[in-house]
Amino acid sequence: MKKFIPKEKLGKKARKQLDSEQRTTWTFSPVTKKVESKKLYNRKRKAHDRYDDYGMGFSCGVA
């Protein structure tokens, strides 16, 4: 069993290790995501992104 040492008396590396052990990480993002409506006008969304041409545009490569 480890002997209890107050956090103030620990060294810098020992405090850093203790803090990293106590820190928890999320398996998912806790921020609520909102799906934006596609009907609303968005200046950042480009007009040609709505159409799916799957690369069959002008650069078809036909000789």
N, C-alpha and C. Protein backbone atom coordinates (compact mmCIF):
# COMPACT_ATOMS: atom_id res chain seq x y z
N MET A 1 0.83 -1.17 0.00
CA MET A 1 0.00 0.00 0.00
C MET A 1 0.89 1.25 0.00
N LYS A 2 0.48 2.23 -0.81
CA LYS A 2 1.26 3.45 -0.92
C LYS A 2 1.05 4.33 0.31
N LYS A 3 2.10 5.01 0.67
CA LYS A 3 2.01 5.96 1.77
C LYS A 3 1.40 7.26 1.24
N PHE A 4 0.48 7.86 2.00
CA PHE A 4 -0.18 9.09 1.57
C PHE A 4 0.78 10.26 1.71
N ILE A 5 0.92 11.01 0.58
CA ILE A 5 1.71 12.23 0.57
C ILE A 5 0.81 13.34 0.05
N PRO A 6 0.72 14.46 0.77
CA PRO A 6 -0.13 15.56 0.29
C PRO A 6 0.31 16.04 -1.09
N LYS A 7 -0.64 16.53 -1.85
CA LYS A 7 -0.35 16.96 -3.22
C LYS A 7 0.63 18.14 -3.25
N GLU A 8 0.58 18.99 -2.23
CA GLU A 8 1.49 20.14 -2.21
C GLU A 8 2.94 19.71 -2.05
N LYS A 9 3.18 18.57 -1.42
CA LYS A 9 4.55 18.11 -1.20
C LYS A 9 5.08 17.23 -2.34
N LEU A 10 4.23 16.87 -3.27
CA LEU A 10 4.67 16.05 -4.39
C LEU A 10 5.50 16.88 -5.36
N GLY A 11 6.34 16.21 -6.09
CA GLY A 11 7.12 16.89 -7.12
C GLY A 11 6.26 17.20 -8.33
N LYS A 12 6.82 17.96 -9.25
CA LYS A 12 6.08 18.40 -10.43
C LYS A 12 5.66 17.21 -11.29
N LYS A 13 6.56 16.26 -11.53
CA LYS A 13 6.25 15.10 -12.36
C LYS A 13 5.22 14.20 -11.68
N ALA A 14 5.34 14.05 -10.36
CA ALA A 14 4.40 13.21 -9.62
C ALA A 14 3.00 13.82 -9.62
N ARG A 15 2.92 15.15 -9.49
CA ARG A 15 1.61 15.82 -9.55
C ARG A 15 1.00 15.68 -10.93
N LYS A 16 1.83 15.79 -11.96
CA LYS A 16 1.34 15.66 -13.34
C LYS A 16 0.80 14.26 -13.58
N GLN A 17 1.50 13.24 -13.09
CA GLN A 17 1.05 11.86 -13.25
C GLN A 17 -0.24 11.62 -12.48
N LEU A 18 -0.34 12.15 -11.26
CA LEU A 18 -1.55 11.99 -10.45
C LEU A 18 -2.74 12.66 -11.13
N ASP A 19 -2.53 13.86 -11.67
CA ASP A 19 -3.60 14.56 -12.37
C ASP A 19 -4.06 13.80 -13.61
N SER A 20 -3.12 13.22 -14.35
CA SER A 20 -3.50 12.48 -15.55
C SER A 20 -4.25 11.20 -15.21
N GLU A 21 -3.95 10.59 -14.08
CA GLU A 21 -4.69 9.39 -13.65
C GLU A 21 -6.11 9.73 -13.24
N GLN A 22 -6.30 10.90 -12.64
CA GLN A 22 -7.63 11.29 -12.18
C GLN A 22 -8.49 11.85 -13.31
N ARG A 23 -7.87 12.29 -14.38
CA ARG A 23 -8.60 12.88 -15.49
C ARG A 23 -9.33 11.79 -16.28
N THR A 24 -10.57 12.04 -16.63
CA THR A 24 -11.34 11.07 -17.41
C THR A 24 -11.52 11.60 -18.82
N THR A 25 -11.66 10.68 -19.76
CA THR A 25 -11.92 11.06 -21.14
C THR A 25 -13.28 10.54 -21.54
N TRP A 26 -13.93 11.26 -22.41
CA TRP A 26 -15.25 10.88 -22.89
C TRP A 26 -15.10 9.93 -24.07
N THR A 27 -16.00 8.94 -24.13
CA THR A 27 -15.99 8.05 -25.29
C THR A 27 -16.79 8.65 -26.44
N PHE A 28 -17.58 9.67 -26.15
CA PHE A 28 -18.35 10.36 -27.17
C PHE A 28 -18.29 11.85 -26.88
N SER A 29 -18.67 12.66 -27.83
CA SER A 29 -18.65 14.11 -27.63
C SER A 29 -19.89 14.51 -26.83
N PRO A 30 -19.72 15.17 -25.68
CA PRO A 30 -20.87 15.54 -24.87
C PRO A 30 -21.66 16.73 -25.43
N VAL A 31 -21.13 17.36 -26.48
CA VAL A 31 -21.80 18.51 -27.06
C VAL A 31 -22.96 18.03 -27.93
N THR A 32 -24.13 18.62 -27.74
CA THR A 32 -25.30 18.25 -28.53
C THR A 32 -25.14 18.79 -29.94
N LYS A 33 -25.31 17.93 -30.91
CA LYS A 33 -25.18 18.33 -32.31
C LYS A 33 -26.56 18.63 -32.89
N LYS A 34 -26.64 19.65 -33.70
CA LYS A 34 -27.90 20.03 -34.32
C LYS A 34 -27.75 19.86 -35.82
N VAL A 35 -28.65 19.11 -36.45
CA VAL A 35 -28.62 18.91 -37.88
C VAL A 35 -29.27 20.12 -38.53
N GLU A 36 -28.53 20.74 -39.44
CA GLU A 36 -29.09 21.93 -40.08
C GLU A 36 -30.04 21.54 -41.19
N SER A 37 -31.07 22.35 -41.39
CA SER A 37 -32.06 22.08 -42.42
C SER A 37 -31.46 22.38 -43.78
N LYS A 38 -31.72 21.52 -44.76
CA LYS A 38 -31.20 21.73 -46.10
C LYS A 38 -32.05 22.74 -46.86
N LYS A 39 -33.22 23.06 -46.33
CA LYS A 39 -34.09 24.02 -47.00
C LYS A 39 -33.63 25.46 -46.76
N LEU A 40 -32.90 25.69 -45.68
CA LEU A 40 -32.45 27.04 -45.38
C LEU A 40 -31.28 27.42 -46.28
N TYR A 41 -31.21 28.70 -46.63
CA TYR A 41 -30.12 29.20 -47.45
C TYR A 41 -28.86 29.31 -46.61
N ASN A 42 -27.79 28.78 -47.12
CA ASN A 42 -26.50 28.86 -46.45
C ASN A 42 -25.49 29.36 -47.47
N ARG A 43 -24.91 30.52 -47.21
CA ARG A 43 -23.96 31.12 -48.14
C ARG A 43 -22.70 30.29 -48.29
N LYS A 44 -22.33 29.56 -47.24
CA LYS A 44 -21.09 28.77 -47.26
C LYS A 44 -21.24 27.49 -48.09
N ARG A 45 -22.45 26.97 -48.19
CA ARG A 45 -22.66 25.74 -48.96
C ARG A 45 -22.72 26.10 -50.44
N LYS A 46 -21.99 25.40 -51.26
CA LYS A 46 -21.94 25.71 -52.68
C LYS A 46 -23.15 25.11 -53.39
N ALA A 47 -23.57 25.75 -54.46
CA ALA A 47 -24.77 25.32 -55.18
C ALA A 47 -24.56 23.98 -55.87
N HIS A 48 -23.37 23.73 -56.40
CA HIS A 48 -23.15 22.49 -57.14
C HIS A 48 -22.91 21.30 -56.23
N ASP A 49 -22.81 21.50 -54.93
CA ASP A 49 -22.65 20.38 -54.01
C ASP A 49 -23.95 19.60 -53.83
N ARG A 50 -25.05 20.21 -54.21
CA ARG A 50 -26.33 19.53 -54.04
C ARG A 50 -26.53 18.42 -55.06
N TYR A 51 -25.91 18.57 -56.22
CA TYR A 51 -26.11 17.61 -57.29
C TYR A 51 -25.00 16.56 -57.26
N ASP A 52 -25.39 15.32 -57.31
CA ASP A 52 -24.42 14.22 -57.29
C ASP A 52 -24.19 13.75 -58.72
N ASP A 53 -23.04 14.10 -59.28
CA ASP A 53 -22.76 13.63 -60.63
C ASP A 53 -21.70 12.53 -60.63
N TYR A 54 -21.15 12.21 -59.47
CA TYR A 54 -20.20 11.13 -59.29
C TYR A 54 -19.04 11.21 -60.26
N GLY A 55 -18.54 12.42 -60.53
CA GLY A 55 -17.37 12.59 -61.37
C GLY A 55 -17.64 12.45 -62.85
N MET A 56 -18.86 12.44 -63.29
CA MET A 56 -19.18 12.29 -64.71
C MET A 56 -19.44 13.67 -65.33
N GLY A 57 -18.67 14.65 -64.95
CA GLY A 57 -18.84 16.00 -65.45
C GLY A 57 -18.12 16.21 -66.76
N PHE A 58 -17.45 17.34 -66.91
CA PHE A 58 -16.79 17.70 -68.15
C PHE A 58 -15.53 16.91 -68.39
N SER A 59 -14.88 16.44 -67.36
CA SER A 59 -13.61 15.73 -67.52
C SER A 59 -13.86 14.23 -67.66
N CYS A 60 -14.59 13.86 -68.67
CA CYS A 60 -14.98 12.46 -68.86
C CYS A 60 -13.85 11.67 -69.50
N GLY A 61 -12.97 12.31 -70.27
CA GLY A 61 -11.85 11.60 -70.88
C GLY A 61 -12.19 10.95 -72.19
N VAL A 62 -13.25 11.36 -72.84
CA VAL A 62 -13.63 10.79 -74.13
C VAL A 62 -12.83 11.49 -75.22
N ALA A 63 -12.21 10.73 -76.12
CA ALA A 63 -11.37 11.31 -77.16
C ALA A 63 -12.11 11.55 -78.43
